[in-house]
Amino acid sequence: MVLVSFLAMNTLFAQREIPLYSNGVPNSKGKKTIPAKQTNGFINDIFNPTVTVFTPVESKNTGCAIVICPGGGYGGLAINHEGFEVAKLCASWGITAFVLKYRLPDDSLMVDKSIGPLQDAQRAIQLVRERAAEWGIDTSKVGIMGFSAGGHLASTASTHFNMPVIENKKDISLRPDFSILCYAVISFSESITHNGSKSNLIGKNPSADKVKLFSNELQVTPQTPPAFLVHSTDDKVVSVINSLSYYEALLKNNVLSEMHIYPAGGHGYGLRNPTTPDVWSDRLYNWLKANNWVN
């Protein structure tokens, strides 16, 4: 029975890893060929960013695509339960999913470490739209999803799309059509931020302007894409106020979004909040259907 279930699940998608850049990694101080290290589903030392593409079977393809950004405090990536597991679920829904193995900020490897992850997120969105026909993707249904610090990256991509940090000669839209933010770091404001993510990305003594720039609740405009947010009140790692602040900013800018706050669950649970029988990804699927990103 287990074997049958496994085989059935794997008929729902195919996967392959492809490099983000074909002509050298931008903002890099040198070419690196060392493969990323993985320990117990946690990856670090990423020199060559990639996306792993999970494509649904053709008959199930909805035309929707999601770039998935695993978390890890900008110090690593929880690539399995906040990446590959999520991508498999998306593929079962008929969504083409792209698990982003983004570079982690590092002064020794990058000219400007604060834009390294955003370059990779923008490039992933650009790549999806460039090759949309190949994967059967509707370029108006390209979203981004992030967990914890990956949620900070996803919300940065959702609020900084008019400030490209990559080459974009074809003027391809870098704006996600929607975002999914799971127990996300949103703000670098001292009172509510996750200090590890903040210092890893912008340093231990950033300027006030830098803090403001990457406090994404302050960067929301009426053009910011709608968001689906999930968080737990008892999260001791990333304060729930991050999600509340972002939702409030979306509300003030008339960006209709949806938020689910659970009383318990803590942080880092991926698809399965162990404290409740409610499955938050079911709420996500309903939201995607209600907005016609999947049908």
C-alpha atoms as a PDB file:
ATOM      1  CA  MET A   1       0.000   0.000   0.000  1.00  0.00           C
ATOM      2  CA  VAL A   2       2.847   2.397   0.877  1.00  0.00           C
ATOM      3  CA  LEU A   3       4.589   1.590  -2.420  1.00  0.00           C
ATOM      4  CA  VAL A   4       1.398   2.217  -4.379  1.00  0.00           C
ATOM      5  CA  SER A   5       0.922   5.598  -2.663  1.00  0.00           C
ATOM      6  CA  PHE A   6       4.547   6.543  -3.355  1.00  0.00           C
ATOM      7  CA  LEU A   7       4.259   5.633  -7.037  1.00  0.00           C
ATOM      8  CA  ALA A   8       0.956   7.484  -7.338  1.00  0.00           C
ATOM      9  CA  MET A   9       2.460  10.624  -5.816  1.00  0.00           C
ATOM     10  CA  ASN A  10       5.386  10.537  -8.218  1.00  0.00           C
ATOM     11  CA  THR A  11       3.110  10.357 -11.256  1.00  0.00           C
ATOM     12  CA  LEU A  12       1.882  13.838 -10.300  1.00  0.00           C
ATOM     13  CA  PHE A  13       5.125  15.641 -11.128  1.00  0.00           C
ATOM     14  CA  ALA A  14       8.558  15.482 -12.703  1.00  0.00           C
ATOM     15  CA  GLN A  15      11.538  17.397 -11.362  1.00  0.00           C
ATOM     16  CA  ARG A  16      14.924  18.694 -12.480  1.00  0.00           C
ATOM     17  CA  GLU A  17      17.418  21.260 -11.215  1.00  0.00           C
ATOM     18  CA  ILE A  18      18.564  24.060 -13.503  1.00  0.00           C
ATOM     19  CA  PRO A  19      21.019  26.934 -12.928  1.00  0.00           C
ATOM     20  CA  LEU A  20      19.627  30.447 -12.540  1.00  0.00           C
ATOM     21  CA  TYR A  21      22.398  32.123 -14.517  1.00  0.00           C
ATOM     22  CA  SER A  22      24.052  31.021 -17.761  1.00  0.00           C
ATOM     23  CA  ASN A  23      26.682  33.776 -18.041  1.00  0.00           C
ATOM     24  CA  GLY A  24      28.131  34.051 -14.570  1.00  0.00           C
ATOM     25  CA  VAL A  25      26.568  34.851 -11.218  1.00  0.00           C
ATOM     26  CA  PRO A  26      26.115  38.613 -10.753  1.00  0.00           C
ATOM     27  CA  ASN A  27      27.422  40.488  -7.707  1.00  0.00           C
ATOM     28  CA  SER A  28      29.981  37.725  -7.151  1.00  0.00           C
ATOM     29  CA  LYS A  29      33.584  38.249  -6.085  1.00  0.00           C
ATOM     30  CA  GLY A  30      34.725  35.072  -7.795  1.00  0.00           C
ATOM     31  CA  LYS A  31      33.584  31.935  -9.536  1.00  0.00           C
ATOM     32  CA  LYS A  32      32.908  29.011  -7.225  1.00  0.00           C
ATOM     33  CA  THR A  33      32.266  25.434  -8.290  1.00  0.00           C
ATOM     34  CA  ILE A  34      32.019  23.802  -4.853  1.00  0.00           C
ATOM     35  CA  PRO A  35      28.600  22.107  -4.451  1.00  0.00           C
ATOM     36  CA  ALA A  36      26.282  23.272  -1.683  1.00  0.00           C
ATOM     37  CA  LYS A  37      26.507  21.309   1.572  1.00  0.00           C
ATOM     38  CA  GLN A  38      23.414  19.543   2.884  1.00  0.00           C
ATOM     39  CA  THR A  39      22.974  18.187   6.400  1.00  0.00           C
ATOM     40  CA  ASN A  40      19.625  16.801   7.581  1.00  0.00           C
ATOM     41  CA  GLY A  41      17.728  18.778   4.960  1.00  0.00           C
ATOM     42  CA  PHE A  42      19.550  22.054   5.710  1.00  0.00           C
ATOM     43  CA  ILE A  43      21.710  23.531   2.933  1.00  0.00           C
ATOM     44  CA  ASN A  44      24.409  26.186   3.204  1.00  0.00           C
ATOM     45  CA  ASP A  45      27.476  27.392   1.282  1.00  0.00           C
ATOM     46  CA  ILE A  46      25.494  28.091  -1.880  1.00  0.00           C
ATOM     47  CA  PHE A  47      27.698  29.610  -4.575  1.00  0.00           C
ATOM     48  CA  ASN A  48      25.733  28.624  -7.668  1.00  0.00           C
ATOM     49  CA  PRO A  49      22.013  29.343  -7.263  1.00  0.00           C
ATOM     50  CA  THR A  50      19.473  27.082  -8.942  1.00  0.00           C
ATOM     51  CA  VAL A  51      15.797  26.292  -9.170  1.00  0.00           C
ATOM     52  CA  THR A  52      14.488  22.753  -8.923  1.00  0.00           C
ATOM     53  CA  VAL A  53      11.443  22.553 -11.161  1.00  0.00           C
ATOM     54  CA  PHE A  54       8.493  20.352 -10.202  1.00  0.00           C
ATOM     55  CA  THR A  55       6.155  20.080 -13.194  1.00  0.00           C
ATOM     56  CA  PRO A  56       2.666  18.592 -12.885  1.00  0.00           C
ATOM     57  CA  VAL A  57       1.381  16.087 -15.405  1.00  0.00           C
ATOM     58  CA  GLU A  58       0.151  17.906 -18.487  1.00  0.00           C
ATOM     59  CA  SER A  59      -3.502  17.034 -17.946  1.00  0.00           C
ATOM     60  CA  LYS A  60      -3.418  18.676 -14.491  1.00  0.00           C
ATOM     61  CA  ASN A  61      -1.455  21.811 -15.420  1.00  0.00           C
ATOM     62  CA  THR A  62      -3.385  24.937 -14.367  1.00  0.00           C
ATOM     63  CA  GLY A  63      -0.878  27.393 -15.881  1.00  0.00           C
ATOM     64  CA  CYS A  64       0.018  28.672 -12.414  1.00  0.00           C
ATOM     65  CA  ALA A  65       3.629  28.825 -11.168  1.00  0.00           C
ATOM     66  CA  ILE A  66       5.093  29.422  -7.709  1.00  0.00           C
ATOM     67  CA  VAL A  67       8.709  30.212  -6.780  1.00  0.00           C
ATOM     68  CA  ILE A  68       9.345  28.735  -3.315  1.00  0.00           C
ATOM     69  CA  CYS A  69      11.922  30.300  -0.964  1.00  0.00           C
ATOM     70  CA  PRO A  70      12.836  28.050   2.003  1.00  0.00           C
ATOM     71  CA  GLY A  71      13.775  29.682   5.297  1.00  0.00           C
ATOM     72  CA  GLY A  72      16.882  29.457   7.438  1.00  0.00           C
ATOM     73  CA  GLY A  73      17.650  32.914   8.806  1.00  0.00           C
ATOM     74  CA  TYR A  74      19.652  33.872   5.692  1.00  0.00           C
ATOM     75  CA  GLY A  75      22.235  31.431   7.043  1.00  0.00           C
ATOM     76  CA  GLY A  76      20.987  28.261   5.349  1.00  0.00           C
ATOM     77  CA  LEU A  77      17.966  26.759   3.630  1.00  0.00           C
ATOM     78  CA  ALA A  78      15.507  24.252   5.108  1.00  0.00           C
ATOM     79  CA  ILE A  79      15.275  22.769   1.640  1.00  0.00           C
ATOM     80  CA  ASN A  80      13.147  19.698   2.373  1.00  0.00           C
ATOM     81  CA  HIS A  81      10.133  20.608   4.511  1.00  0.00           C
ATOM     82  CA  GLU A  82      10.017  24.257   3.364  1.00  0.00           C
ATOM     83  CA  GLY A  83      10.991  23.485  -0.215  1.00  0.00           C
ATOM     84  CA  PHE A  84      10.670  20.089  -1.856  1.00  0.00           C
ATOM     85  CA  GLU A  85       7.678  18.892   0.198  1.00  0.00           C
ATOM     86  CA  VAL A  86       5.819  22.096  -0.604  1.00  0.00           C
ATOM     87  CA  ALA A  87       6.691  21.837  -4.302  1.00  0.00           C
ATOM     88  CA  LYS A  88       5.303  18.290  -4.485  1.00  0.00           C
ATOM     89  CA  LEU A  89       2.022  19.495  -2.971  1.00  0.00           C
ATOM     90  CA  CYS A  90       1.853  22.378  -5.439  1.00  0.00           C
ATOM     91  CA  ALA A  91       2.490  20.018  -8.355  1.00  0.00           C
ATOM     92  CA  SER A  92      -0.358  17.797  -7.152  1.00  0.00           C
ATOM     93  CA  TRP A  93      -2.580  20.892  -7.464  1.00  0.00           C
ATOM     94  CA  GLY A  94      -1.473  21.425 -11.075  1.00  0.00           C
ATOM     95  CA  ILE A  95       1.004  24.191 -10.209  1.00  0.00           C
ATOM     96  CA  THR A  96       4.521  24.280 -11.629  1.00  0.00           C
ATOM     97  CA  ALA A  97       6.731  24.821  -8.584  1.00  0.00           C
ATOM     98  CA  PHE A  98      10.276  26.167  -8.514  1.00  0.00           C
ATOM     99  CA  VAL A  99      12.283  25.561  -5.334  1.00  0.00           C
ATOM    100  CA  LEU A 100      14.814  28.378  -5.197  1.00  0.00           C
ATOM    101  CA  LYS A 101      18.268  27.551  -3.889  1.00  0.00           C
ATOM    102  CA  TYR A 102      19.265  31.173  -3.358  1.00  0.00           C
ATOM    103  CA  ARG A 103      22.642  32.508  -2.308  1.00  0.00           C
ATOM    104  CA  LEU A 104      23.126  33.317   1.345  1.00  0.00           C
ATOM    105  CA  PRO A 105      24.500  36.789   2.094  1.00  0.00           C
ATOM    106  CA  ASP A 106      28.275  36.737   2.575  1.00  0.00           C
ATOM    107  CA  ASP A 107      30.692  39.676   2.372  1.00  0.00           C
ATOM    108  CA  SER A 108      33.503  37.372   1.302  1.00  0.00           C
ATOM    109  CA  LEU A 109      31.554  36.172  -1.731  1.00  0.00           C
ATOM    110  CA  MET A 110      29.458  39.183  -2.749  1.00  0.00           C
ATOM    111  CA  VAL A 111      30.149  42.795  -3.611  1.00  0.00           C
ATOM    112  CA  ASP A 112      26.868  43.721  -1.876  1.00  0.00           C
ATOM    113  CA  LYS A 113      25.506  40.888   0.233  1.00  0.00           C
ATOM    114  CA  SER A 114      22.235  42.704   0.962  1.00  0.00           C
ATOM    115  CA  ILE A 115      20.997  42.232  -2.620  1.00  0.00           C
ATOM    116  CA  GLY A 116      22.338  38.726  -3.299  1.00  0.00           C
ATOM    117  CA  PRO A 117      19.185  36.789  -2.307  1.00  0.00           C
ATOM    118  CA  LEU A 118      16.910  39.337  -4.005  1.00  0.00           C
ATOM    119  CA  GLN A 119      18.888  39.032  -7.237  1.00  0.00           C
ATOM    120  CA  ASP A 120      18.205  35.305  -7.216  1.00  0.00           C
ATOM    121  CA  ALA A 121      14.496  35.745  -6.422  1.00  0.00           C
ATOM    122  CA  GLN A 122      14.083  38.326  -9.200  1.00  0.00           C
ATOM    123  CA  ARG A 123      16.012  36.127 -11.610  1.00  0.00           C
ATOM    124  CA  ALA A 124      13.788  33.146 -10.738  1.00  0.00           C
ATOM    125  CA  ILE A 125      10.648  35.149 -11.563  1.00  0.00           C
ATOM    126  CA  GLN A 126      12.298  36.429 -14.740  1.00  0.00           C
ATOM    127  CA  LEU A 127      13.322  32.886 -15.743  1.00  0.00           C
ATOM    128  CA  VAL A 128       9.821  31.509 -15.184  1.00  0.00           C
ATOM    129  CA  ARG A 129       8.322  34.163 -17.431  1.00  0.00           C
ATOM    130  CA  GLU A 130      11.073  33.830 -20.054  1.00  0.00           C
ATOM    131  CA  ARG A 131      10.440  30.105 -20.386  1.00  0.00           C
ATOM    132  CA  ALA A 132       6.713  30.109 -19.627  1.00  0.00           C
ATOM    133  CA  ALA A 133       5.767  28.458 -22.929  1.00  0.00           C
ATOM    134  CA  GLU A 134       8.143  25.554 -22.235  1.00  0.00           C
ATOM    135  CA  TRP A 135       6.367  24.738 -18.965  1.00  0.00           C
ATOM    136  CA  GLY A 136       2.829  25.707 -19.995  1.00  0.00           C
ATOM    137  CA  ILE A 137       2.726  28.648 -17.606  1.00  0.00           C
ATOM    138  CA  ASP A 138       0.439  31.676 -17.802  1.00  0.00           C
ATOM    139  CA  THR A 139       2.721  34.684 -17.226  1.00  0.00           C
ATOM    140  CA  SER A 140      -0.085  36.424 -15.292  1.00  0.00           C
ATOM    141  CA  LYS A 141      -0.172  33.580 -12.735  1.00  0.00           C
ATOM    142  CA  VAL A 142       3.373  33.623 -11.341  1.00  0.00           C
ATOM    143  CA  GLY A 143       3.561  33.822  -7.554  1.00  0.00           C
ATOM    144  CA  ILE A 144       6.232  33.637  -4.878  1.00  0.00           C
ATOM    145  CA  MET A 145       6.170  31.811  -1.546  1.00  0.00           C
ATOM    146  CA  GLY A 146       8.501  31.995   1.420  1.00  0.00           C
ATOM    147  CA  PHE A 147       8.970  30.578   4.898  1.00  0.00           C
ATOM    148  CA  SER A 148      10.569  32.535   7.769  1.00  0.00           C
ATOM    149  CA  ALA A 149      13.597  34.384   6.274  1.00  0.00           C
ATOM    150  CA  GLY A 150      12.470  33.009   2.920  1.00  0.00           C
ATOM    151  CA  GLY A 151       9.258  34.908   3.643  1.00  0.00           C
ATOM    152  CA  HIS A 152      11.330  38.048   4.038  1.00  0.00           C
ATOM    153  CA  LEU A 153      12.827  37.358   0.631  1.00  0.00           C
ATOM    154  CA  ALA A 154       9.384  36.719  -0.871  1.00  0.00           C
ATOM    155  CA  SER A 155       7.981  39.917   0.630  1.00  0.00           C
ATOM    156  CA  THR A 156      11.049  41.837  -0.588  1.00  0.00           C
ATOM    157  CA  ALA A 157      10.479  40.532  -4.104  1.00  0.00           C
ATOM    158  CA  SER A 158       6.828  41.595  -3.725  1.00  0.00           C
ATOM    159  CA  THR A 159       7.672  45.164  -2.690  1.00  0.00           C
ATOM    160  CA  HIS A 160      10.943  45.873  -4.564  1.00  0.00           C
ATOM    161  CA  PHE A 161      10.015  44.700  -8.061  1.00  0.00           C
ATOM    162  CA  ASN A 162      10.299  48.263  -9.423  1.00  0.00           C
ATOM    163  CA  MET A 163      13.907  48.377  -8.184  1.00  0.00           C
ATOM    164  CA  PRO A 164      15.568  45.640 -10.273  1.00  0.00           C
ATOM    165  CA  VAL A 165      18.908  44.359  -9.010  1.00  0.00           C
ATOM    166  CA  ILE A 166      19.482  42.140 -12.046  1.00  0.00           C
ATOM    167  CA  GLU A 167      19.939  42.823 -15.749  1.00  0.00           C
ATOM    168  CA  ASN A 168      16.550  42.921 -17.470  1.00  0.00           C
ATOM    169  CA  LYS A 169      17.096  43.903 -21.105  1.00  0.00           C
ATOM    170  CA  LYS A 170      13.792  42.375 -22.237  1.00  0.00           C
ATOM    171  CA  ASP A 171      11.900  44.379 -19.582  1.00  0.00           C
ATOM    172  CA  ILE A 172      10.204  41.271 -18.237  1.00  0.00           C
ATOM    173  CA  SER A 173       7.956  42.002 -15.278  1.00  0.00           C
ATOM    174  CA  LEU A 174       9.649  41.086 -12.005  1.00  0.00           C
ATOM    175  CA  ARG A 175       6.438  41.583 -10.035  1.00  0.00           C
ATOM    176  CA  PRO A 176       4.947  38.407  -8.541  1.00  0.00           C
ATOM    177  CA  ASP A 177       1.219  38.140  -9.186  1.00  0.00           C
ATOM    178  CA  PHE A 178       0.674  36.969  -5.599  1.00  0.00           C
ATOM    179  CA  SER A 179       2.709  36.043  -2.540  1.00  0.00           C
ATOM    180  CA  ILE A 180       2.388  33.366   0.134  1.00  0.00           C
ATOM    181  CA  LEU A 181       4.129  34.279   3.399  1.00  0.00           C
ATOM    182  CA  CYS A 182       4.504  31.601   6.060  1.00  0.00           C
ATOM    183  CA  TYR A 183       5.619  32.671   9.553  1.00  0.00           C
ATOM    184  CA  ALA A 184       7.598  35.267   7.630  1.00  0.00           C
ATOM    185  CA  VAL A 185      10.187  37.773   8.728  1.00  0.00           C
ATOM    186  CA  ILE A 186       8.754  41.008   7.320  1.00  0.00           C
ATOM    187  CA  SER A 187      10.295  43.827   9.305  1.00  0.00           C
ATOM    188  CA  PHE A 188      13.816  44.781  10.343  1.00  0.00           C
ATOM    189  CA  SER A 189      12.414  47.126  12.982  1.00  0.00           C
ATOM    190  CA  GLU A 190      14.272  46.395  16.203  1.00  0.00           C
ATOM    191  CA  SER A 191      11.174  45.641  18.275  1.00  0.00           C
ATOM    192  CA  ILE A 192       9.797  42.807  16.116  1.00  0.00           C
ATOM    193  CA  THR A 193      12.521  41.577  13.767  1.00  0.00           C
ATOM    194  CA  HIS A 194      14.413  38.300  13.752  1.00  0.00           C
ATOM    195  CA  ASN A 195      17.878  39.606  14.554  1.00  0.00           C
ATOM    196  CA  GLY A 196      19.744  36.734  12.924  1.00  0.00           C
ATOM    197  CA  SER A 197      18.083  37.311   9.559  1.00  0.00           C
ATOM    198  CA  LYS A 198      18.602  41.049   9.845  1.00  0.00           C
ATOM    199  CA  SER A 199      22.296  40.923  10.698  1.00  0.00           C
ATOM    200  CA  ASN A 200      23.009  38.223   8.131  1.00  0.00           C
ATOM    201  CA  LEU A 201      21.459  40.298   5.350  1.00  0.00           C
ATOM    202  CA  ILE A 202      22.374  43.900   6.169  1.00  0.00           C
ATOM    203  CA  GLY A 203      25.053  43.595   8.851  1.00  0.00           C
ATOM    204  CA  LYS A 204      25.234  44.220  12.566  1.00  0.00           C
ATOM    205  CA  ASN A 205      25.270  48.034  12.318  1.00  0.00           C
ATOM    206  CA  PRO A 206      23.089  48.950   9.342  1.00  0.00           C
ATOM    207  CA  SER A 207      22.067  52.498   8.537  1.00  0.00           C
ATOM    208  CA  ALA A 208      18.538  53.644   9.334  1.00  0.00           C
ATOM    209  CA  ASP A 209      17.855  53.912   5.587  1.00  0.00           C
ATOM    210  CA  LYS A 210      18.896  50.297   5.049  1.00  0.00           C
ATOM    211  CA  VAL A 211      16.684  49.106   7.888  1.00  0.00           C
ATOM    212  CA  LYS A 212      13.733  51.001   6.427  1.00  0.00           C
ATOM    213  CA  LEU A 213      14.393  49.709   2.899  1.00  0.00           C
ATOM    214  CA  PHE A 214      14.221  46.100   4.033  1.00  0.00           C
ATOM    215  CA  SER A 215      11.310  46.581   6.448  1.00  0.00           C
ATOM    216  CA  ASN A 216       8.788  45.473   3.897  1.00  0.00           C
ATOM    217  CA  GLU A 217       5.685  46.595   5.748  1.00  0.00           C
ATOM    218  CA  LEU A 218       6.971  50.118   5.020  1.00  0.00           C
ATOM    219  CA  GLN A 219       7.404  49.402   1.299  1.00  0.00           C
ATOM    220  CA  VAL A 220       3.830  48.324   0.504  1.00  0.00           C
ATOM    221  CA  THR A 221       2.005  50.305  -2.189  1.00  0.00           C
ATOM    222  CA  PRO A 222      -1.283  49.785  -4.079  1.00  0.00           C
ATOM    223  CA  GLN A 223       0.793  47.850  -6.664  1.00  0.00           C
ATOM    224  CA  THR A 224       2.023  45.284  -4.136  1.00  0.00           C
ATOM    225  CA  PRO A 225       0.601  41.865  -5.032  1.00  0.00           C
ATOM    226  CA  PRO A 226      -2.056  40.306  -2.801  1.00  0.00           C
ATOM    227  CA  ALA A 227      -0.785  37.980  -0.108  1.00  0.00           C
ATOM    228  CA  PHE A 228      -1.807  34.896   1.794  1.00  0.00           C
ATOM    229  CA  LEU A 229      -0.267  34.914   5.274  1.00  0.00           C
ATOM    230  CA  VAL A 230      -0.067  32.201   7.925  1.00  0.00           C
ATOM    231  CA  HIS A 231       1.520  32.557  11.374  1.00  0.00           C
ATOM    232  CA  SER A 232       1.155  31.375  14.978  1.00  0.00           C
ATOM    233  CA  THR A 233       0.622  33.649  17.970  1.00  0.00           C
ATOM    234  CA  ASP A 234       3.087  31.694  20.103  1.00  0.00           C
ATOM    235  CA  ASP A 235       5.942  31.967  17.573  1.00  0.00           C
ATOM    236  CA  LYS A 236       8.967  32.818  19.726  1.00  0.00           C
ATOM    237  CA  VAL A 237      11.401  33.013  16.788  1.00  0.00           C
ATOM    238  CA  VAL A 238       9.594  35.410  14.451  1.00  0.00           C
ATOM    239  CA  SER A 239       6.957  37.567  16.131  1.00  0.00           C
ATOM    240  CA  VAL A 240       3.458  37.284  14.716  1.00  0.00           C
ATOM    241  CA  ILE A 241       3.467  41.097  14.594  1.00  0.00           C
ATOM    242  CA  ASN A 242       5.496  40.758  11.394  1.00  0.00           C
ATOM    243  CA  SER A 243       2.523  39.246   9.582  1.00  0.00           C
ATOM    244  CA  LEU A 244       0.036  41.562  11.291  1.00  0.00           C
ATOM    245  CA  SER A 245       2.045  44.618  10.229  1.00  0.00           C
ATOM    246  CA  TYR A 246       2.256  43.486   6.622  1.00  0.00           C
ATOM    247  CA  TYR A 247      -1.450  42.682   6.485  1.00  0.00           C
ATOM    248  CA  GLU A 248      -2.281  46.088   7.942  1.00  0.00           C
ATOM    249  CA  ALA A 249      -0.106  47.789   5.316  1.00  0.00           C
ATOM    250  CA  LEU A 250      -1.829  45.805   2.540  1.00  0.00           C
ATOM    251  CA  LEU A 251      -5.210  46.798   3.975  1.00  0.00           C
ATOM    252  CA  LYS A 252      -4.272  50.488   4.023  1.00  0.00           C
ATOM    253  CA  ASN A 253      -3.274  50.230   0.362  1.00  0.00           C
ATOM    254  CA  ASN A 254      -6.452  48.389  -0.664  1.00  0.00           C
ATOM    255  CA  VAL A 255      -4.590  45.187  -1.548  1.00  0.00           C
ATOM    256  CA  LEU A 256      -7.131  42.499  -0.682  1.00  0.00           C
ATOM    257  CA  SER A 257      -5.372  39.621   1.041  1.00  0.00           C
ATOM    258  CA  GLU A 258      -6.015  36.753   3.445  1.00  0.00           C
ATOM    259  CA  MET A 259      -4.417  35.930   6.796  1.00  0.00           C
ATOM    260  CA  HIS A 260      -4.669  32.916   9.112  1.00  0.00           C
ATOM    261  CA  ILE A 261      -3.350  33.241  12.655  1.00  0.00           C
ATOM    262  CA  TYR A 262      -3.245  30.120  14.798  1.00  0.00           C
ATOM    263  CA  PRO A 263      -3.024  30.390  18.595  1.00  0.00           C
ATOM    264  CA  ALA A 264      -0.223  27.827  18.715  1.00  0.00           C
ATOM    265  CA  GLY A 265       2.254  26.035  16.519  1.00  0.00           C
ATOM    266  CA  GLY A 266       5.494  27.839  17.184  1.00  0.00           C
ATOM    267  CA  HIS A 267       7.860  28.284  14.271  1.00  0.00           C
ATOM    268  CA  GLY A 268       9.223  26.282  11.380  1.00  0.00           C
ATOM    269  CA  TYR A 269       6.527  23.611  11.009  1.00  0.00           C
ATOM    270  CA  GLY A 270       6.304  23.703   7.228  1.00  0.00           C
ATOM    271  CA  LEU A 271       3.030  22.287   5.930  1.00  0.00           C
ATOM    272  CA  ARG A 272       1.945  20.709   9.209  1.00  0.00           C
ATOM    273  CA  ASN A 273       1.080  22.738  12.300  1.00  0.00           C
ATOM    274  CA  PRO A 274       1.083  19.969  14.930  1.00  0.00           C
ATOM    275  CA  THR A 275      -1.244  21.786  17.336  1.00  0.00           C
ATOM    276  CA  THR A 276      -4.376  21.821  15.189  1.00  0.00           C
ATOM    277  CA  PRO A 277      -6.353  19.452  12.946  1.00  0.00           C
ATOM    278  CA  ASP A 278      -6.809  22.369  10.570  1.00  0.00           C
ATOM    279  CA  VAL A 279      -4.541  22.160   7.518  1.00  0.00           C
ATOM    280  CA  TRP A 280      -3.441  25.638   6.515  1.00  0.00           C
ATOM    281  CA  SER A 281      -2.503  24.540   3.006  1.00  0.00           C
ATOM    282  CA  ASP A 282      -6.173  23.659   2.424  1.00  0.00           C
ATOM    283  CA  ARG A 283      -6.975  27.336   3.144  1.00  0.00           C
ATOM    284  CA  LEU A 284      -4.226  28.310   0.709  1.00  0.00           C
ATOM    285  CA  TYR A 285      -5.664  26.116  -2.038  1.00  0.00           C
ATOM    286  CA  ASN A 286      -9.108  27.667  -1.528  1.00  0.00           C
ATOM    287  CA  TRP A 287      -7.570  31.153  -1.778  1.00  0.00           C
ATOM    288  CA  LEU A 288      -5.738  30.284  -4.981  1.00  0.00           C
ATOM    289  CA  LYS A 289      -8.969  28.941  -6.487  1.00  0.00           C
ATOM    290  CA  ALA A 290     -11.038  31.914  -5.336  1.00  0.00           C
ATOM    291  CA  ASN A 291      -8.624  34.264  -7.118  1.00  0.00           C
ATOM    292  CA  ASN A 292      -8.531  32.132 -10.286  1.00  0.00           C
ATOM    293  CA  TRP A 293      -4.799  31.370 -10.095  1.00  0.00           C
ATOM    294  CA  VAL A 294      -5.747  27.713 -10.176  1.00  0.00           C
ATOM    295  CA  ASN A 295      -8.992  26.344 -11.584  1.00  0.00           C
END
